Amino acid sequence: MTLISRCFLLVLLLCAYAGSAQPPAHIPLMNDTWKLIGQRTYKKNAEFKMVPAFPARLEGMQNKTVELPGYMIPINADLNHKEFMLAVVPMDQCPYCGQGDIPSMVEVKMVKEVGYTDKPVKIRGKLMLNKSGDYRSEVFLLQAEQVK
């Protein structure tokens, strides 16, 4: 085998390896509600505490029923979940949630348990915004149900 053939083979193998090392593609799930959640900022309140500030359109959706597509991020090591986090990206990309153009996760409280899946799900529930600046989630979907 000539030197050129060996170099060509090495380049081919490196390209094949680099292509297989890419993160798995995910289905884009951003809808208007996710985009509004992603516009959350922070401001100081009267006690000089940093608290979330939501866009007016999102605040207008407070206590209204909304649908969010997303990926389930379990908070317990079970097969079925009544409470979990919902993210616009899969679990392996969650370290980036809340940064750049990826919105923070939403805490979901279901009416009844659903089985875990790593595939996208659509959840319908009542939107609640937590503007207190405490250690709970900032966005909740309450009385939620999975949309088939």
Protein backbone atom coordinates (compact mmCIF):
# COMPACT_ATOMS: atom_id res chain seq x y z
CA MET A 1 0.00 0.00 0.00
CA THR A 2 1.46 3.35 -0.98
CA LEU A 3 1.86 6.30 1.34
CA ILE A 4 -0.89 8.24 -0.48
CA SER A 5 -3.31 5.31 -0.12
CA ARG A 6 -2.55 5.05 3.59
CA CYS A 7 -3.09 8.79 4.11
CA PHE A 8 -6.36 8.64 2.18
CA LEU A 9 -7.55 5.68 4.28
CA LEU A 10 -6.58 7.49 7.50
CA VAL A 11 -8.52 10.61 6.46
CA LEU A 12 -11.56 8.46 5.60
CA LEU A 13 -11.45 6.73 8.99
CA LEU A 14 -11.10 10.05 10.86
CA CYS A 15 -14.05 11.55 8.97
CA ALA A 16 -16.19 8.50 9.72
CA TYR A 17 -15.27 8.70 13.42
CA ALA A 18 -15.95 12.44 13.62
CA GLY A 19 -19.35 11.96 11.96
CA SER A 20 -20.36 9.29 14.45
CA ALA A 21 -19.23 11.38 17.43
CA GLN A 22 -21.81 14.11 16.80
CA PRO A 23 -24.63 14.51 19.36
CA PRO A 24 -27.92 12.97 18.31
CA ALA A 25 -30.21 15.28 16.40
CA HIS A 26 -33.42 16.29 18.11
CA ILE A 27 -36.75 17.46 16.81
CA PRO A 28 -37.10 21.26 17.05
CA LEU A 29 -39.90 21.92 19.54
CA MET A 30 -39.81 25.71 20.01
CA ASN A 31 -43.27 27.21 19.81
CA ASP A 32 -44.44 30.74 20.70
CA THR A 33 -44.90 29.87 24.39
CA TRP A 34 -41.38 28.44 24.65
CA LYS A 35 -40.04 31.58 22.97
CA LEU A 36 -41.82 33.75 25.55
CA ILE A 37 -40.42 31.62 28.40
CA GLY A 38 -36.98 32.12 26.88
CA GLN A 39 -37.41 35.91 27.13
CA ARG A 40 -37.43 35.78 30.94
CA THR A 41 -34.98 38.21 32.51
CA TYR A 42 -34.13 39.17 36.09
CA LYS A 43 -34.57 42.41 38.01
CA LYS A 44 -33.97 43.59 41.56
CA ASN A 45 -37.04 43.95 43.74
CA ALA A 46 -37.55 46.41 46.63
CA GLU A 47 -35.49 44.13 48.93
CA PHE A 48 -32.64 44.10 46.38
CA LYS A 49 -33.30 40.45 45.61
CA MET A 50 -33.01 39.23 42.01
CA VAL A 51 -36.41 37.97 40.85
CA PRO A 52 -37.62 36.76 37.44
CA ALA A 53 -39.31 39.24 35.10
CA PHE A 54 -41.50 37.75 32.40
CA PRO A 55 -42.68 39.31 29.12
CA ALA A 56 -46.14 40.91 29.32
CA ARG A 57 -47.57 38.42 26.79
CA LEU A 58 -46.45 35.50 28.98
CA GLU A 59 -47.86 37.15 32.11
CA GLY A 60 -51.15 37.48 30.23
CA MET A 61 -51.18 33.67 29.91
CA GLN A 62 -50.93 33.21 33.70
CA ASN A 63 -53.56 30.69 34.95
CA LYS A 64 -54.57 29.91 31.37
CA THR A 65 -54.26 26.52 29.69
CA VAL A 66 -51.30 26.17 27.33
CA GLU A 67 -49.69 23.34 25.38
CA LEU A 68 -45.95 22.78 25.43
CA PRO A 69 -44.07 20.17 23.42
CA GLY A 70 -40.88 18.98 25.02
CA TYR A 71 -38.73 16.25 26.47
CA MET A 72 -39.39 14.74 29.89
CA ILE A 73 -36.59 15.26 32.39
CA PRO A 74 -37.31 13.00 35.40
CA ILE A 75 -36.74 14.32 38.92
CA ASN A 76 -37.17 10.84 40.46
CA ALA A 77 -35.74 7.47 39.41
CA ASP A 78 -39.08 5.87 38.51
CA LEU A 79 -40.68 4.54 35.34
CA ASN A 80 -43.88 6.56 35.85
CA HIS A 81 -44.00 10.21 36.80
CA LYS A 82 -46.58 12.62 38.14
CA GLU A 83 -44.02 15.41 38.46
CA PHE A 84 -41.11 16.09 36.11
CA MET A 85 -39.31 18.85 34.28
CA LEU A 86 -40.09 19.61 30.64
CA ALA A 87 -37.32 20.90 28.37
CA VAL A 88 -37.24 22.00 24.76
CA VAL A 89 -34.10 19.87 24.25
CA PRO A 90 -33.35 16.22 25.20
CA MET A 91 -31.86 15.33 28.59
CA ASP A 92 -28.28 15.01 27.27
CA GLN A 93 -28.43 18.68 26.21
CA CYS A 94 -30.08 19.99 29.39
CA PRO A 95 -26.96 21.57 30.85
CA TYR A 96 -27.64 24.31 28.28
CA CYS A 97 -31.27 24.94 29.32
CA GLY A 98 -31.76 28.55 30.36
CA GLN A 99 -28.67 29.72 28.45
CA GLY A 100 -28.45 31.47 25.11
CA ASP A 101 -31.60 30.88 23.12
CA ILE A 102 -32.60 27.69 24.99
CA PRO A 103 -35.41 28.43 27.49
CA SER A 104 -35.36 27.25 31.10
CA MET A 105 -37.14 24.03 31.95
CA VAL A 106 -40.77 24.03 33.09
CA GLU A 107 -41.89 22.07 36.15
CA VAL A 108 -44.90 19.87 35.33
CA LYS A 109 -47.43 18.54 37.83
CA MET A 110 -49.64 15.94 36.11
CA VAL A 111 -53.20 14.96 37.00
CA LYS A 112 -52.18 11.30 36.63
CA GLU A 113 -48.88 9.48 36.17
CA VAL A 114 -47.34 9.05 32.75
CA GLY A 115 -44.61 6.66 31.69
CA TYR A 116 -41.16 8.03 30.97
CA THR A 117 -40.08 8.37 27.37
CA ASP A 118 -37.05 9.92 25.74
CA LYS A 119 -39.22 10.88 22.76
CA PRO A 120 -40.92 14.29 22.54
CA VAL A 121 -44.26 14.65 24.36
CA LYS A 122 -46.92 17.36 24.30
CA ILE A 123 -48.27 18.51 27.65
CA ARG A 124 -51.34 20.67 28.29
CA GLY A 125 -51.77 22.42 31.63
CA LYS A 126 -52.41 25.63 33.51
CA LEU A 127 -49.46 28.02 33.30
CA MET A 128 -48.18 29.46 36.58
CA LEU A 129 -45.30 31.92 36.83
CA ASN A 130 -43.28 32.10 40.05
CA LYS A 131 -41.96 35.65 40.42
CA SER A 132 -40.92 35.28 44.08
CA GLY A 133 -37.24 34.56 43.43
CA ASP A 134 -37.34 31.60 45.83
CA TYR A 135 -35.66 28.28 45.08
CA ARG A 136 -38.60 26.70 43.26
CA SER A 137 -39.00 26.61 39.50
CA GLU A 138 -39.95 29.83 37.77
CA VAL A 139 -42.48 28.33 35.37
CA PHE A 140 -45.01 25.57 36.16
CA LEU A 141 -47.64 23.63 34.23
CA LEU A 142 -50.26 22.56 36.77
CA GLN A 143 -53.18 20.12 36.42
CA ALA A 144 -51.36 18.89 33.34
CA GLU A 145 -52.29 16.11 30.94
CA GLN A 146 -50.43 14.49 28.08
CA VAL A 147 -51.86 15.33 24.66
CA LYS A 148 -51.90 12.33 22.34
